[in-house]
Amino acid sequence: MNLINAIDVSDLKEHPFPAVRVAGEEIHEDRIATELQYHPADEIGEAWHHAACSLVIRELLLRKAVGRGIGDDLDEEERIAALIDQVIDVPEPDDANCRRFFDANPDQFRTPTLLAVSHILLAAAPDDIVARSEQEDTGRRLIASLADGRADFARLALAHSACESRKQGGQLGQIAKGQTVEEFERVVWRLPEGLHLQLVETRYGWHVVRVDRRIEGQPLSYELAKSTIRRYLQEKVTRRWLRQYIQTLALEYGVEGVDLELPDSPLMQ
């Protein structure tokens, strides 16, 4: 479970967190308390560390921007962006590097696998135990009649389904991973083609499911993948360069109270 968002200064006073300073100036604990909401974690110490690091990095970049005379007419975000634009010096990956990455990671460059799925939604609210039980019984009867050939899927969908897909015989069309709710996806993507003989339960109720077709992803050519690879490699080098730059600023200005371990993120958040 993640921390709740509502953490205030009084919560921090109960923990012995050290004062955090950049160039000798303290980052007040109320700023860290406010920042905590953007860094959910399993315990407050971890959240505090990430929040404090984020504010230290921001302060380092802003101090450097001011030192380089980056304009007073810009807000803080614009100043930081302008600083990075001025100091960054990362070459664009050449074609040979992109090709090597492509050859070493063929499984990363494929079209998505798709499923053509039909379903019958027997709707019931999550907390309505009676309706859930009744719809489960209905679903089992529908599966039995479909399995022995006594019924037609499209007709049953039109008669029973609470989903708009009932007008298309229950067909959801081609779906990719991430397009349906997690509990539905967790089951359906493991199924072979054909009628699934067990009901699938989701927050919406019970589903009678048929996988009509599985369309496996196909490899992409290098020409189609190279722009994505170039962007990925550029961002990877930029992240590494930014980590080194922040460490340089930490030595230049001085940081106290936090171990500045930098995550692999362009904005060091």
C-alpha atoms as a PDB file:
ATOM      1  CA  MET A   1       0.000   0.000   0.000  1.00  0.00           C
ATOM      2  CA  ASN A   2       1.289   3.470  -0.866  1.00  0.00           C
ATOM      3  CA  LEU A   3       1.414   6.384   1.516  1.00  0.00           C
ATOM      4  CA  ILE A   4      -1.675   8.535   1.663  1.00  0.00           C
ATOM      5  CA  ASN A   5      -1.303  11.897  -0.012  1.00  0.00           C
ATOM      6  CA  ALA A   6      -2.307  13.980   3.013  1.00  0.00           C
ATOM      7  CA  ILE A   7       1.002  14.301   4.893  1.00  0.00           C
ATOM      8  CA  ASP A   8       1.747  17.569   6.655  1.00  0.00           C
ATOM      9  CA  VAL A   9       4.572  19.065   8.680  1.00  0.00           C
ATOM     10  CA  SER A  10       3.285  17.489  11.893  1.00  0.00           C
ATOM     11  CA  ASP A  11       3.772  14.040  10.342  1.00  0.00           C
ATOM     12  CA  LEU A  12       7.414  14.849   9.610  1.00  0.00           C
ATOM     13  CA  LYS A  13       8.041  16.118  13.137  1.00  0.00           C
ATOM     14  CA  GLU A  14       7.422  12.600  14.412  1.00  0.00           C
ATOM     15  CA  HIS A  15      10.435  11.316  12.452  1.00  0.00           C
ATOM     16  CA  PRO A  16      14.123  12.237  12.961  1.00  0.00           C
ATOM     17  CA  PHE A  17      14.804  13.437   9.428  1.00  0.00           C
ATOM     18  CA  PRO A  18      17.904  15.635   9.082  1.00  0.00           C
ATOM     19  CA  ALA A  19      17.822  19.222   7.887  1.00  0.00           C
ATOM     20  CA  VAL A  20      18.396  19.455   4.132  1.00  0.00           C
ATOM     21  CA  ARG A  21      20.568  22.295   2.835  1.00  0.00           C
ATOM     22  CA  VAL A  22      21.863  23.474  -0.533  1.00  0.00           C
ATOM     23  CA  ALA A  23      24.753  25.961  -0.415  1.00  0.00           C
ATOM     24  CA  GLY A  24      24.133  26.287   3.303  1.00  0.00           C
ATOM     25  CA  GLU A  25      20.478  27.308   2.921  1.00  0.00           C
ATOM     26  CA  GLU A  26      17.859  24.988   4.361  1.00  0.00           C
ATOM     27  CA  ILE A  27      14.998  23.569   2.314  1.00  0.00           C
ATOM     28  CA  HIS A  28      12.162  24.009   4.793  1.00  0.00           C
ATOM     29  CA  GLU A  29      10.322  20.917   5.966  1.00  0.00           C
ATOM     30  CA  ASP A  30       6.966  22.277   4.788  1.00  0.00           C
ATOM     31  CA  ARG A  31       8.271  22.223   1.206  1.00  0.00           C
ATOM     32  CA  ILE A  32       9.322  18.606   1.656  1.00  0.00           C
ATOM     33  CA  ALA A  33       5.907  17.789   3.143  1.00  0.00           C
ATOM     34  CA  THR A  34       4.202  19.319   0.103  1.00  0.00           C
ATOM     35  CA  GLU A  35       6.511  17.469  -2.284  1.00  0.00           C
ATOM     36  CA  LEU A  36       5.771  14.114  -0.623  1.00  0.00           C
ATOM     37  CA  GLN A  37       2.482  13.732  -2.489  1.00  0.00           C
ATOM     38  CA  TYR A  38       4.394  13.316  -5.759  1.00  0.00           C
ATOM     39  CA  HIS A  39       6.566  10.481  -4.418  1.00  0.00           C
ATOM     40  CA  PRO A  40       4.322   7.666  -3.104  1.00  0.00           C
ATOM     41  CA  ALA A  41       6.187   4.888  -1.312  1.00  0.00           C
ATOM     42  CA  ASP A  42       5.595   2.054   1.132  1.00  0.00           C
ATOM     43  CA  GLU A  43       6.947   3.983   4.106  1.00  0.00           C
ATOM     44  CA  ILE A  44       7.470   7.623   4.952  1.00  0.00           C
ATOM     45  CA  GLY A  45      11.267   7.468   5.079  1.00  0.00           C
ATOM     46  CA  GLU A  46      11.488   6.385   1.461  1.00  0.00           C
ATOM     47  CA  ALA A  47       8.968   9.018   0.351  1.00  0.00           C
ATOM     48  CA  TRP A  48      10.825  11.710   2.306  1.00  0.00           C
ATOM     49  CA  HIS A  49      14.128  10.753   0.674  1.00  0.00           C
ATOM     50  CA  HIS A  50      12.711  10.972  -2.855  1.00  0.00           C
ATOM     51  CA  ALA A  51      10.936  14.255  -2.101  1.00  0.00           C
ATOM     52  CA  ALA A  52      14.068  15.804  -0.569  1.00  0.00           C
ATOM     53  CA  CYS A  53      16.244  14.675  -3.512  1.00  0.00           C
ATOM     54  CA  SER A  54      13.784  16.164  -5.979  1.00  0.00           C
ATOM     55  CA  LEU A  55      13.843  19.542  -4.237  1.00  0.00           C
ATOM     56  CA  VAL A  56      17.646  19.506  -3.913  1.00  0.00           C
ATOM     57  CA  ILE A  57      18.052  18.823  -7.633  1.00  0.00           C
ATOM     58  CA  ARG A  58      15.630  21.604  -8.472  1.00  0.00           C
ATOM     59  CA  GLU A  59      17.468  24.033  -6.206  1.00  0.00           C
ATOM     60  CA  LEU A  60      20.853  23.117  -7.703  1.00  0.00           C
ATOM     61  CA  LEU A  61      19.609  23.698 -11.240  1.00  0.00           C
ATOM     62  CA  LEU A  62      17.929  26.982 -10.351  1.00  0.00           C
ATOM     63  CA  ARG A  63      21.071  28.285  -8.627  1.00  0.00           C
ATOM     64  CA  LYS A  64      23.154  27.392 -11.656  1.00  0.00           C
ATOM     65  CA  ALA A  65      20.643  29.062 -13.974  1.00  0.00           C
ATOM     66  CA  VAL A  66      20.829  32.269 -11.935  1.00  0.00           C
ATOM     67  CA  GLY A  67      24.608  32.052 -11.932  1.00  0.00           C
ATOM     68  CA  ARG A  68      24.624  31.847 -15.723  1.00  0.00           C
ATOM     69  CA  GLY A  69      22.359  34.886 -15.973  1.00  0.00           C
ATOM     70  CA  ILE A  70      19.348  33.066 -17.366  1.00  0.00           C
ATOM     71  CA  GLY A  71      16.568  35.664 -17.489  1.00  0.00           C
ATOM     72  CA  ASP A  72      14.410  36.942 -14.678  1.00  0.00           C
ATOM     73  CA  ASP A  73      11.478  37.003 -17.090  1.00  0.00           C
ATOM     74  CA  LEU A  74      11.298  33.188 -17.039  1.00  0.00           C
ATOM     75  CA  ASP A  75       9.527  31.065 -14.478  1.00  0.00           C
ATOM     76  CA  GLU A  76      11.405  28.320 -12.646  1.00  0.00           C
ATOM     77  CA  GLU A  77      10.529  25.545 -15.090  1.00  0.00           C
ATOM     78  CA  GLU A  78      11.586  27.688 -18.044  1.00  0.00           C
ATOM     79  CA  ARG A  79      14.854  28.604 -16.323  1.00  0.00           C
ATOM     80  CA  ILE A  80      15.724  24.972 -15.730  1.00  0.00           C
ATOM     81  CA  ALA A  81      14.847  24.043 -19.310  1.00  0.00           C
ATOM     82  CA  ALA A  82      16.922  26.950 -20.646  1.00  0.00           C
ATOM     83  CA  LEU A  83      19.885  25.922 -18.511  1.00  0.00           C
ATOM     84  CA  ILE A  84      19.791  22.353 -19.753  1.00  0.00           C
ATOM     85  CA  ASP A  85      19.529  23.573 -23.344  1.00  0.00           C
ATOM     86  CA  GLN A  86      22.620  25.717 -22.821  1.00  0.00           C
ATOM     87  CA  VAL A  87      24.859  23.175 -21.137  1.00  0.00           C
ATOM     88  CA  ILE A  88      23.828  19.841 -22.605  1.00  0.00           C
ATOM     89  CA  ASP A  89      26.300  18.348 -25.035  1.00  0.00           C
ATOM     90  CA  VAL A  90      25.096  14.928 -26.100  1.00  0.00           C
ATOM     91  CA  PRO A  91      25.873  13.725 -29.632  1.00  0.00           C
ATOM     92  CA  GLU A  92      23.109  12.073 -31.637  1.00  0.00           C
ATOM     93  CA  PRO A  93      23.577   8.285 -31.956  1.00  0.00           C
ATOM     94  CA  ASP A  94      24.955   7.300 -35.340  1.00  0.00           C
ATOM     95  CA  ASP A  95      23.455   4.670 -37.608  1.00  0.00           C
ATOM     96  CA  ALA A  96      25.990   2.020 -36.584  1.00  0.00           C
ATOM     97  CA  ASN A  97      25.033   2.302 -32.894  1.00  0.00           C
ATOM     98  CA  CYS A  98      21.338   2.177 -33.754  1.00  0.00           C
ATOM     99  CA  ARG A  99      21.843  -0.881 -35.932  1.00  0.00           C
ATOM    100  CA  ARG A 100      23.803  -2.684 -33.174  1.00  0.00           C
ATOM    101  CA  PHE A 101      21.016  -2.008 -30.683  1.00  0.00           C
ATOM    102  CA  PHE A 102      18.414  -3.264 -33.150  1.00  0.00           C
ATOM    103  CA  ASP A 103      20.343  -6.498 -33.817  1.00  0.00           C
ATOM    104  CA  ALA A 104      20.887  -7.119 -30.093  1.00  0.00           C
ATOM    105  CA  ASN A 105      17.226  -6.593 -29.108  1.00  0.00           C
ATOM    106  CA  PRO A 106      15.022  -8.075 -31.843  1.00  0.00           C
ATOM    107  CA  ASP A 107      12.098  -8.865 -29.514  1.00  0.00           C
ATOM    108  CA  GLN A 108      11.672  -5.183 -28.637  1.00  0.00           C
ATOM    109  CA  PHE A 109      10.748  -4.277 -32.195  1.00  0.00           C
ATOM    110  CA  ARG A 110       7.552  -6.047 -33.127  1.00  0.00           C
ATOM    111  CA  THR A 111       4.026  -5.006 -33.878  1.00  0.00           C
ATOM    112  CA  PRO A 112       1.725  -5.671 -30.894  1.00  0.00           C
ATOM    113  CA  THR A 113      -0.018  -9.002 -30.551  1.00  0.00           C
ATOM    114  CA  LEU A 114      -3.778  -8.570 -30.985  1.00  0.00           C
ATOM    115  CA  LEU A 115      -6.762 -10.599 -29.858  1.00  0.00           C
ATOM    116  CA  ALA A 116     -10.147 -10.673 -31.551  1.00  0.00           C
ATOM    117  CA  VAL A 117     -12.490 -11.282 -28.618  1.00  0.00           C
ATOM    118  CA  SER A 118     -16.233 -11.628 -28.143  1.00  0.00           C
ATOM    119  CA  HIS A 119     -17.929 -11.496 -24.765  1.00  0.00           C
ATOM    120  CA  ILE A 120     -21.263 -11.414 -22.994  1.00  0.00           C
ATOM    121  CA  LEU A 121     -21.282  -9.110 -19.975  1.00  0.00           C
ATOM    122  CA  LEU A 122     -23.619 -10.187 -17.197  1.00  0.00           C
ATOM    123  CA  ALA A 123     -23.537  -6.984 -15.191  1.00  0.00           C
ATOM    124  CA  ALA A 124     -23.584  -6.818 -11.393  1.00  0.00           C
ATOM    125  CA  ALA A 125     -22.200  -4.251  -8.980  1.00  0.00           C
ATOM    126  CA  PRO A 126     -19.112  -5.378  -7.005  1.00  0.00           C
ATOM    127  CA  ASP A 127     -20.949  -5.118  -3.664  1.00  0.00           C
ATOM    128  CA  ASP A 128     -24.231  -6.705  -4.792  1.00  0.00           C
ATOM    129  CA  ILE A 129     -23.726 -10.284  -3.619  1.00  0.00           C
ATOM    130  CA  VAL A 130     -27.194 -11.465  -4.656  1.00  0.00           C
ATOM    131  CA  ALA A 131     -26.951 -10.086  -8.189  1.00  0.00           C
ATOM    132  CA  ARG A 132     -23.427 -11.477  -8.555  1.00  0.00           C
ATOM    133  CA  SER A 133     -24.610 -14.942  -7.580  1.00  0.00           C
ATOM    134  CA  GLU A 134     -27.602 -14.821  -9.907  1.00  0.00           C
ATOM    135  CA  GLN A 135     -25.510 -13.597 -12.847  1.00  0.00           C
ATOM    136  CA  GLU A 136     -22.915 -16.266 -12.181  1.00  0.00           C
ATOM    137  CA  ASP A 137     -25.625 -18.942 -12.438  1.00  0.00           C
ATOM    138  CA  THR A 138     -26.873 -17.371 -15.668  1.00  0.00           C
ATOM    139  CA  GLY A 139     -23.367 -17.309 -17.096  1.00  0.00           C
ATOM    140  CA  ARG A 140     -22.796 -20.975 -16.376  1.00  0.00           C
ATOM    141  CA  ARG A 141     -26.033 -21.868 -18.152  1.00  0.00           C
ATOM    142  CA  LEU A 142     -25.016 -19.777 -21.175  1.00  0.00           C
ATOM    143  CA  ILE A 143     -21.617 -21.445 -21.378  1.00  0.00           C
ATOM    144  CA  ALA A 144     -23.209 -24.893 -21.166  1.00  0.00           C
ATOM    145  CA  SER A 145     -25.614 -24.108 -24.018  1.00  0.00           C
ATOM    146  CA  LEU A 146     -22.790 -22.665 -26.143  1.00  0.00           C
ATOM    147  CA  ALA A 147     -20.469 -25.584 -25.446  1.00  0.00           C
ATOM    148  CA  ASP A 148     -22.944 -28.233 -26.633  1.00  0.00           C
ATOM    149  CA  GLY A 149     -24.016 -26.214 -29.673  1.00  0.00           C
ATOM    150  CA  ARG A 150     -27.572 -25.496 -28.546  1.00  0.00           C
ATOM    151  CA  ALA A 151     -27.146 -21.714 -28.735  1.00  0.00           C
ATOM    152  CA  ASP A 152     -25.618 -19.046 -30.931  1.00  0.00           C
ATOM    153  CA  PHE A 153     -23.152 -16.647 -29.298  1.00  0.00           C
ATOM    154  CA  ALA A 154     -24.421 -13.547 -31.130  1.00  0.00           C
ATOM    155  CA  ARG A 155     -28.038 -14.249 -30.169  1.00  0.00           C
ATOM    156  CA  LEU A 156     -27.136 -14.757 -26.508  1.00  0.00           C
ATOM    157  CA  ALA A 157     -25.057 -11.584 -26.503  1.00  0.00           C
ATOM    158  CA  LEU A 158     -27.965  -9.575 -27.909  1.00  0.00           C
ATOM    159  CA  ALA A 159     -30.346 -11.036 -25.334  1.00  0.00           C
ATOM    160  CA  HIS A 160     -28.170 -10.936 -22.209  1.00  0.00           C
ATOM    161  CA  SER A 161     -25.123  -8.701 -22.531  1.00  0.00           C
ATOM    162  CA  ALA A 162     -25.007  -5.306 -20.805  1.00  0.00           C
ATOM    163  CA  CYS A 163     -22.189  -4.172 -23.112  1.00  0.00           C
ATOM    164  CA  GLU A 164     -22.813  -2.151 -26.278  1.00  0.00           C
ATOM    165  CA  SER A 165     -20.905  -4.869 -28.152  1.00  0.00           C
ATOM    166  CA  ARG A 166     -24.103  -6.939 -27.963  1.00  0.00           C
ATOM    167  CA  LYS A 167     -25.197  -5.125 -31.140  1.00  0.00           C
ATOM    168  CA  GLN A 168     -22.179  -6.643 -32.905  1.00  0.00           C
ATOM    169  CA  GLY A 169     -22.756 -10.145 -31.620  1.00  0.00           C
ATOM    170  CA  GLY A 170     -20.588  -9.496 -28.576  1.00  0.00           C
ATOM    171  CA  GLN A 171     -17.510  -8.711 -30.655  1.00  0.00           C
ATOM    172  CA  LEU A 172     -15.045  -6.321 -29.026  1.00  0.00           C
ATOM    173  CA  GLY A 173     -12.944  -6.203 -32.178  1.00  0.00           C
ATOM    174  CA  GLN A 174      -9.166  -6.444 -32.097  1.00  0.00           C
ATOM    175  CA  ILE A 175      -7.704  -5.457 -28.745  1.00  0.00           C
ATOM    176  CA  ALA A 176      -4.121  -4.964 -27.604  1.00  0.00           C
ATOM    177  CA  LYS A 177      -2.741  -5.288 -24.093  1.00  0.00           C
ATOM    178  CA  GLY A 178      -3.728  -2.390 -21.884  1.00  0.00           C
ATOM    179  CA  GLN A 179      -7.061  -1.710 -23.578  1.00  0.00           C
ATOM    180  CA  THR A 180      -9.265  -3.651 -21.149  1.00  0.00           C
ATOM    181  CA  VAL A 181      -9.473  -3.738 -17.356  1.00  0.00           C
ATOM    182  CA  GLU A 182      -6.693  -5.621 -15.601  1.00  0.00           C
ATOM    183  CA  GLU A 183      -8.763  -8.502 -14.257  1.00  0.00           C
ATOM    184  CA  PHE A 184     -10.206  -9.210 -17.722  1.00  0.00           C
ATOM    185  CA  GLU A 185      -6.826  -8.928 -19.413  1.00  0.00           C
ATOM    186  CA  ARG A 186      -5.083 -11.146 -16.879  1.00  0.00           C
ATOM    187  CA  VAL A 187      -7.268 -14.106 -17.908  1.00  0.00           C
ATOM    188  CA  VAL A 188      -8.029 -13.471 -21.557  1.00  0.00           C
ATOM    189  CA  TRP A 189      -4.468 -13.065 -22.787  1.00  0.00           C
ATOM    190  CA  ARG A 190      -3.630 -16.579 -21.571  1.00  0.00           C
ATOM    191  CA  LEU A 191      -6.496 -18.242 -23.431  1.00  0.00           C
ATOM    192  CA  PRO A 192      -6.375 -20.282 -26.638  1.00  0.00           C
ATOM    193  CA  GLU A 193      -8.775 -19.568 -29.465  1.00  0.00           C
ATOM    194  CA  GLY A 194     -12.345 -20.696 -28.875  1.00  0.00           C
ATOM    195  CA  LEU A 195     -14.975 -20.542 -26.155  1.00  0.00           C
ATOM    196  CA  HIS A 196     -13.595 -20.256 -22.629  1.00  0.00           C
ATOM    197  CA  LEU A 197     -15.472 -22.725 -20.454  1.00  0.00           C
ATOM    198  CA  GLN A 198     -15.106 -20.684 -17.266  1.00  0.00           C
ATOM    199  CA  LEU A 199     -16.627 -17.314 -16.470  1.00  0.00           C
ATOM    200  CA  VAL A 200     -14.314 -14.319 -16.150  1.00  0.00           C
ATOM    201  CA  GLU A 201     -15.108 -12.041 -13.210  1.00  0.00           C
ATOM    202  CA  THR A 202     -14.367  -8.301 -13.293  1.00  0.00           C
ATOM    203  CA  ARG A 203     -15.523  -5.221 -11.417  1.00  0.00           C
ATOM    204  CA  TYR A 204     -18.402  -5.013 -13.904  1.00  0.00           C
ATOM    205  CA  GLY A 205     -19.775  -8.496 -13.371  1.00  0.00           C
ATOM    206  CA  TRP A 206     -19.289 -11.854 -15.105  1.00  0.00           C
ATOM    207  CA  HIS A 207     -18.132 -12.358 -18.698  1.00  0.00           C
ATOM    208  CA  VAL A 208     -18.715 -15.232 -21.070  1.00  0.00           C
ATOM    209  CA  VAL A 209     -15.636 -15.051 -23.289  1.00  0.00           C
ATOM    210  CA  ARG A 210     -14.699 -16.386 -26.698  1.00  0.00           C
ATOM    211  CA  VAL A 211     -11.314 -15.753 -28.296  1.00  0.00           C
ATOM    212  CA  ASP A 212     -12.054 -15.562 -31.994  1.00  0.00           C
ATOM    213  CA  ARG A 213      -8.504 -15.055 -33.209  1.00  0.00           C
ATOM    214  CA  ARG A 214      -5.012 -14.440 -31.898  1.00  0.00           C
ATOM    215  CA  ILE A 215      -2.869 -12.295 -34.208  1.00  0.00           C
ATOM    216  CA  GLU A 216       0.789 -12.563 -33.233  1.00  0.00           C
ATOM    217  CA  GLY A 217       3.005  -9.507 -33.512  1.00  0.00           C
ATOM    218  CA  GLN A 218       5.396  -9.353 -36.442  1.00  0.00           C
ATOM    219  CA  PRO A 219       9.017  -8.159 -36.475  1.00  0.00           C
ATOM    220  CA  LEU A 220       9.594  -4.563 -37.542  1.00  0.00           C
ATOM    221  CA  SER A 221      12.229  -3.730 -40.098  1.00  0.00           C
ATOM    222  CA  TYR A 222      15.222  -1.660 -39.035  1.00  0.00           C
ATOM    223  CA  GLU A 223      14.010   1.215 -41.202  1.00  0.00           C
ATOM    224  CA  LEU A 224      10.729   1.378 -39.262  1.00  0.00           C
ATOM    225  CA  ALA A 225      12.428   1.005 -35.887  1.00  0.00           C
ATOM    226  CA  LYS A 226      15.474   3.245 -36.240  1.00  0.00           C
ATOM    227  CA  SER A 227      13.811   6.553 -35.300  1.00  0.00           C
ATOM    228  CA  THR A 228      12.544   4.986 -32.057  1.00  0.00           C
ATOM    229  CA  ILE A 229      15.974   3.499 -31.363  1.00  0.00           C
ATOM    230  CA  ARG A 230      17.734   6.794 -32.020  1.00  0.00           C
ATOM    231  CA  ARG A 231      15.388   8.614 -29.654  1.00  0.00           C
ATOM    232  CA  TYR A 232      15.819   5.949 -26.959  1.00  0.00           C
ATOM    233  CA  LEU A 233      19.620   5.985 -27.170  1.00  0.00           C
ATOM    234  CA  GLN A 234      19.670   9.783 -27.153  1.00  0.00           C
ATOM    235  CA  GLU A 235      17.516   9.879 -24.028  1.00  0.00           C
ATOM    236  CA  LYS A 236      19.642   7.214 -22.334  1.00  0.00           C
ATOM    237  CA  VAL A 237      22.841   9.182 -22.897  1.00  0.00           C
ATOM    238  CA  THR A 238      21.091  12.398 -21.826  1.00  0.00           C
ATOM    239  CA  ARG A 239      19.987  10.803 -18.550  1.00  0.00           C
ATOM    240  CA  ARG A 240      23.537   9.665 -17.858  1.00  0.00           C
ATOM    241  CA  TRP A 241      24.897  13.117 -18.671  1.00  0.00           C
ATOM    242  CA  LEU A 242      22.326  14.806 -16.411  1.00  0.00           C
ATOM    243  CA  ARG A 243      23.210  12.526 -13.498  1.00  0.00           C
ATOM    244  CA  GLN A 244      26.856  13.502 -13.847  1.00  0.00           C
ATOM    245  CA  TYR A 245      25.966  17.187 -14.186  1.00  0.00           C
ATOM    246  CA  ILE A 246      23.848  17.148 -11.019  1.00  0.00           C
ATOM    247  CA  GLN A 247      26.669  15.484  -9.120  1.00  0.00           C
ATOM    248  CA  THR A 248      29.006  18.229 -10.328  1.00  0.00           C
ATOM    249  CA  LEU A 249      26.581  20.904  -9.116  1.00  0.00           C
ATOM    250  CA  ALA A 250      26.248  19.142  -5.760  1.00  0.00           C
ATOM    251  CA  LEU A 251      30.022  19.382  -5.308  1.00  0.00           C
ATOM    252  CA  GLU A 252      30.038  22.996  -6.489  1.00  0.00           C
ATOM    253  CA  TYR A 253      27.306  24.280  -4.159  1.00  0.00           C
ATOM    254  CA  GLY A 254      27.346  21.713  -1.377  1.00  0.00           C
ATOM    255  CA  VAL A 255      24.450  19.476  -0.309  1.00  0.00           C
ATOM    256  CA  GLU A 256      23.707  18.423   3.258  1.00  0.00           C
ATOM    257  CA  GLY A 257      21.159  16.101   4.833  1.00  0.00           C
ATOM    258  CA  VAL A 258      20.421  13.799   1.924  1.00  0.00           C
ATOM    259  CA  ASP A 259      22.326  11.180  -0.048  1.00  0.00           C
ATOM    260  CA  LEU A 260      21.841  12.351  -3.600  1.00  0.00           C
ATOM    261  CA  GLU A 261      21.246   9.033  -5.340  1.00  0.00           C
ATOM    262  CA  LEU A 262      19.946   9.973  -8.755  1.00  0.00           C
ATOM    263  CA  PRO A 263      17.251   7.909 -10.481  1.00  0.00           C
ATOM    264  CA  ASP A 264      17.358   7.060 -14.174  1.00  0.00           C
ATOM    265  CA  SER A 265      15.031   9.857 -15.264  1.00  0.00           C
ATOM    266  CA  PRO A 266      15.546  12.817 -17.579  1.00  0.00           C
ATOM    267  CA  LEU A 267      14.187  15.200 -14.946  1.00  0.00           C
ATOM    268  CA  MET A 268      15.709  13.360 -11.977  1.00  0.00           C
ATOM    269  CA  GLN A 269      12.340  13.069 -10.273  1.00  0.00           C
END
